[in-house]
Structures are given as structure tokens and as C-alpha cells.
Amino acid sequence: MQKSNVVVIMKEYASNKRIKDLLKIINPLLTQKEDNIRVHLESLVNNLITEEEYRVIETKMKLGKLCLDLEKIIPYSYATLLFYDKEENKIYHGAAPNIPLHNFEFFNEVNDKQLFHEMICGKAISSGNIVYSEIFSDPNCIHERTISKEQGYKSVWSIPFFQEDTIIGTFAMYQTKRKKPTKKQIFLAKQKVLEYKKEILHLSNNLLSNEV
């Protein structure tokens, strides 16, 4: 049966150990512009991973490249792409090549306890606008501190993206400095995310079309 939502697929594979282990290897290579990763992955199909798992990893790799591209215009920043499930009011990891996967395990508790609305990304999604906060001086950034203590992040801002008028996710920018984005950076980030939207939808639809 075909799945109707890319979030469903991302959710199913969030706890897949083989995918997690491969992403731990692939993400560092991706940040070093190792473009032959796809060749290595193809050799694993029907050997160590299934074709379905391969498609999920390949999609995460391509989404990861969008994160890396966005980081280029925002100094001292590390991007993560999150998908939003409106019906469940939950978020699911899409990509974050420069942030270790285990840092996002706290999302499980956030989702289980329905605390997403308390996070900066939740506020960005509910308002439909970019939201910025300094993590350790903002009493509302309780959950963001989980990831920030280990990685040394000082501030975070969230940029939602849409499908028509529906918010389908957000790019969270974790920064190692307390630095509010300038008007120019906000403009550039919005333009970039608008450019990415078509690619995100294409990748999502391609992943869904292969699900049976």
C-alpha cells in the first residue's frame, strides 16, 4: 500500500539501525564533498540494505546537501531539516549532515509528550515566520539546550517552508555564537529556502512514488 506522507517514511526509518550506522559514515563524507557516496551505496543494495532503505538514505543525502548549501550563507551555523506532521503535531528528522544523529534523540521525548510547540521550531511553524532565540538566556529554550550543551551552540533560528499554504517543515540553524541574523541574512535564507522547496517536494514525491 502506497504511503501518503514523507513524514511517515522518515518516522519509520528514524530507528532503523542500519540506516543510522550508514548515515554516521556518510554524513562526514558528505560535508567533505565526496560525490562518489552514491556508488558505494548502490553496491550495498540487496546486500546489506534493501532498495527501500537505499532510497531513504539517498534522499537524506540530497536533503543534507541543501543543509550544507544553507550553511554557506550563515557563518558559524549548522543546519538541520525537520519535517512536520500537522495531524500529529510532531517533528521528524530529515537531514543534518554536520550534527551527530544521536543529538536528535531528544525529539522522541518532545514528540511523546507533545512538547513541540514549546520549541523554537514549533514557534516558527505556528507563526509561519522565522523565529530566533539565544539558547541559554531564553527560559523557553529548554529542549534546545539538550543538543546545544554537547555541541556548543549559543543561539538558534528556525525557517519554515511550505507546500502552497501548508507548512511542511523547517530548517533549524544552530549557531556557535549569540548572533541575531541580519536583515540581509534573513532575506538570503528565505530566498534559499524558497529555492529548496521545489527540490524537497520532488525528493519527497519520488520517495513516495517508490513505496508500495
Protein backbone atom coordinates (compact mmCIF):
# COMPACT_ATOMS: atom_id res chain seq x y z
CA MET A 1 0.00 0.00 0.00
CA GLN A 2 1.39 3.38 -1.01
CA LYS A 3 2.23 5.73 1.81
CA SER A 4 0.74 9.21 1.63
CA ASN A 5 3.22 11.26 3.61
CA VAL A 6 7.01 11.53 3.52
CA VAL A 7 6.93 12.04 7.29
CA VAL A 8 5.57 8.52 7.63
CA ILE A 9 8.63 7.15 5.85
CA MET A 10 11.07 9.30 7.82
CA LYS A 11 9.37 8.24 11.05
CA GLU A 12 9.56 4.53 10.17
CA TYR A 13 13.27 4.71 9.48
CA ALA A 14 14.23 7.03 12.33
CA SER A 15 15.03 3.98 14.49
CA ASN A 16 16.47 1.80 11.72
CA LYS A 17 19.95 0.85 12.99
CA ARG A 18 21.40 0.08 9.55
CA ILE A 19 20.37 3.48 8.22
CA LYS A 20 21.69 5.20 11.35
CA ASP A 21 25.04 3.41 11.07
CA LEU A 22 25.40 4.25 7.37
CA LEU A 23 24.49 7.89 7.93
CA LYS A 24 27.18 8.14 10.61
CA ILE A 25 29.67 7.21 7.88
CA ILE A 26 28.06 9.13 5.02
CA ASN A 27 27.41 12.50 6.67
CA PRO A 28 31.09 13.28 7.37
CA LEU A 29 31.91 12.32 3.77
CA LEU A 30 29.06 14.46 2.50
CA THR A 31 30.47 17.51 4.27
CA GLN A 32 33.79 16.81 2.53
CA LYS A 33 32.08 16.78 -0.89
CA GLU A 34 32.72 13.08 -1.52
CA ASP A 35 30.40 12.71 -4.50
CA ASN A 36 31.05 9.01 -5.05
CA ILE A 37 28.97 8.03 -2.00
CA ARG A 38 26.10 7.04 -4.27
CA VAL A 39 28.30 4.44 -5.98
CA HIS A 40 29.17 2.87 -2.62
CA LEU A 41 25.52 2.83 -1.62
CA GLU A 42 24.42 1.15 -4.85
CA SER A 43 26.86 -1.68 -4.17
CA LEU A 44 25.07 -2.32 -0.86
CA VAL A 45 21.57 -2.70 -2.33
CA ASN A 46 20.23 -6.23 -1.75
CA ASN A 47 23.39 -6.98 0.18
CA LEU A 48 23.44 -5.03 3.42
CA ILE A 49 20.46 -2.76 2.82
CA THR A 50 17.19 -3.09 0.91
CA GLU A 51 16.31 -0.92 -2.07
CA GLU A 52 13.79 0.90 0.13
CA GLU A 53 16.45 1.68 2.72
CA TYR A 54 18.75 2.82 -0.07
CA ARG A 55 16.13 5.29 -1.34
CA VAL A 56 15.67 6.70 2.16
CA ILE A 57 19.43 7.17 2.61
CA GLU A 58 19.83 8.69 -0.86
CA THR A 59 17.01 11.12 -0.11
CA LYS A 60 18.60 12.07 3.20
CA MET A 61 21.90 12.66 1.39
CA LYS A 62 20.28 15.03 -1.09
CA LEU A 63 18.41 16.83 1.67
CA GLY A 64 21.71 17.06 3.53
CA LYS A 65 23.26 18.90 0.60
CA LEU A 66 20.55 21.55 0.94
CA CYS A 67 21.55 21.98 4.58
CA LEU A 68 25.20 22.38 3.61
CA ASP A 69 24.29 24.95 0.97
CA LEU A 70 22.29 26.96 3.50
CA GLU A 71 25.20 26.92 5.96
CA LYS A 72 27.37 28.73 3.42
CA ILE A 73 25.44 31.98 3.78
CA ILE A 74 25.13 31.87 7.59
CA PRO A 75 28.53 31.94 9.38
CA TYR A 76 29.03 29.76 12.49
CA SER A 77 25.83 27.83 11.73
CA TYR A 78 24.80 24.19 11.43
CA ALA A 79 21.57 23.40 9.62
CA THR A 80 19.05 20.67 10.19
CA LEU A 81 15.96 19.97 8.12
CA LEU A 82 12.88 18.80 10.02
CA PHE A 83 9.58 17.56 8.62
CA TYR A 84 6.37 18.49 10.40
CA ASP A 85 3.30 16.26 10.74
CA LYS A 86 0.36 18.59 11.32
CA GLU A 87 -2.10 15.84 12.29
CA GLU A 88 0.21 14.51 15.00
CA ASN A 89 1.80 17.89 15.77
CA LYS A 90 5.19 16.17 15.76
CA ILE A 91 8.55 16.73 14.07
CA TYR A 92 10.81 14.18 12.38
CA HIS A 93 14.44 14.37 11.37
CA GLY A 94 15.04 14.89 7.66
CA ALA A 95 18.74 15.75 7.42
CA ALA A 96 21.61 17.36 9.34
CA PRO A 97 24.99 16.37 7.89
CA ASN A 98 27.05 18.43 10.35
CA ILE A 99 25.22 17.42 13.53
CA PRO A 100 25.62 13.90 15.03
CA LEU A 101 22.45 11.84 14.72
CA HIS A 102 22.30 10.93 18.41
CA ASN A 103 21.80 14.61 19.27
CA PHE A 104 18.28 14.36 17.89
CA GLU A 105 17.12 11.53 20.13
CA PHE A 106 15.50 14.08 22.45
CA PHE A 107 12.89 14.62 19.71
CA ASN A 108 11.38 11.29 20.78
CA GLU A 109 10.53 12.70 24.19
CA VAL A 110 9.38 16.01 22.69
CA ASN A 111 7.00 14.14 20.39
CA ASP A 112 5.80 11.67 23.02
CA LYS A 113 4.96 14.45 25.47
CA GLN A 114 3.55 16.76 22.79
CA LEU A 115 6.06 19.49 23.66
CA PHE A 116 6.91 20.56 20.13
CA HIS A 117 5.00 23.83 20.47
CA GLU A 118 7.47 24.86 23.19
CA MET A 119 10.47 24.67 20.85
CA ILE A 120 11.76 27.43 18.58
CA CYS A 121 10.87 25.30 15.55
CA GLY A 122 7.37 24.86 16.94
CA LYS A 123 7.00 28.61 17.33
CA ALA A 124 8.24 29.17 13.78
CA ILE A 125 5.76 26.65 12.43
CA SER A 126 2.82 28.01 14.42
CA SER A 127 3.58 31.59 13.38
CA GLY A 128 4.70 30.80 9.83
CA ASN A 129 7.68 33.13 10.32
CA ILE A 130 11.37 32.96 11.18
CA VAL A 131 11.99 32.77 14.93
CA TYR A 132 15.34 33.47 16.63
CA SER A 133 16.45 32.85 20.21
CA GLU A 134 19.57 32.78 22.38
CA ILE A 135 19.51 29.30 23.83
CA PHE A 136 20.95 29.70 27.33
CA SER A 137 19.43 33.09 28.17
CA ASP A 138 15.95 32.27 26.87
CA PRO A 139 13.92 30.39 29.52
CA ASN A 140 11.77 28.94 26.73
CA CYS A 141 14.73 27.13 25.08
CA ILE A 142 14.65 24.18 27.49
CA HIS A 143 14.64 21.49 24.81
CA GLU A 144 17.19 23.15 22.51
CA ARG A 145 19.72 23.03 25.35
CA THR A 146 19.86 19.24 25.08
CA ILE A 147 21.60 19.41 21.72
CA SER A 148 23.47 22.64 22.48
CA LYS A 149 25.34 21.53 25.61
CA GLU A 150 27.28 18.87 23.73
CA GLN A 151 27.85 20.81 20.50
CA GLY A 152 28.44 24.29 21.92
CA TYR A 153 25.56 26.07 20.23
CA LYS A 154 24.66 29.50 21.61
CA SER A 155 21.67 30.52 19.51
CA VAL A 156 19.15 29.05 17.08
CA TRP A 157 16.74 30.28 14.48
CA SER A 158 14.12 28.43 12.51
CA ILE A 159 12.99 28.99 8.92
CA PRO A 160 9.69 27.27 7.99
CA PHE A 161 8.94 26.08 4.47
CA PHE A 162 5.59 25.49 2.84
CA GLN A 163 3.66 23.47 0.27
CA GLU A 164 1.24 26.07 -1.02
CA ASP A 165 -0.17 27.46 2.26
CA THR A 166 0.65 24.40 4.38
CA ILE A 167 3.82 24.32 6.47
CA ILE A 168 5.59 21.00 5.90
CA GLY A 169 8.81 21.57 7.79
CA THR A 170 11.55 23.90 8.91
CA PHE A 171 15.27 24.47 8.67
CA ALA A 172 16.75 24.98 12.14
CA MET A 173 20.02 26.93 12.17
CA TYR A 174 22.11 26.22 15.27
CA GLN A 175 24.85 28.83 15.76
CA THR A 176 28.03 28.68 17.82
CA LYS A 177 27.71 32.42 18.50
CA ARG A 178 24.96 34.54 20.01
CA LYS A 179 24.27 36.46 16.83
CA LYS A 180 20.85 37.54 15.65
CA PRO A 181 20.53 37.16 11.86
CA THR A 182 20.79 40.39 9.91
CA LYS A 183 18.07 41.55 7.53
CA LYS A 184 20.33 40.53 4.66
CA GLN A 185 20.84 37.03 6.08
CA ILE A 186 17.10 36.62 6.67
CA PHE A 187 16.39 37.69 3.09
CA LEU A 188 19.05 35.33 1.68
CA ALA A 189 17.87 32.44 3.85
CA LYS A 190 14.25 32.93 2.79
CA GLN A 191 15.29 33.03 -0.86
CA LYS A 192 17.35 29.87 -0.46
CA VAL A 193 14.54 28.00 1.27
CA LEU A 194 12.13 29.05 -1.49
CA GLU A 195 14.59 27.57 -4.00
CA TYR A 196 14.89 24.37 -1.96
CA LYS A 197 11.14 23.86 -1.66
CA LYS A 198 10.81 22.51 -5.20
CA GLU A 199 13.69 20.08 -4.62
CA ILE A 200 12.29 18.95 -1.25
CA LEU A 201 8.87 18.26 -2.80
CA HIS A 202 10.49 16.45 -5.73
CA LEU A 203 12.54 14.24 -3.43
CA SER A 204 9.53 13.59 -1.20
CA ASN A 205 7.29 12.68 -4.14
CA ASN A 206 9.97 10.46 -5.63
CA LEU A 207 10.35 8.61 -2.34
CA LEU A 208 6.58 8.19 -2.05
CA SER A 209 6.16 7.02 -5.63
CA ASN A 210 8.52 4.11 -4.96
CA GLU A 211 6.63 2.98 -1.89
CA VAL A 212 4.28 0.05 -2.43
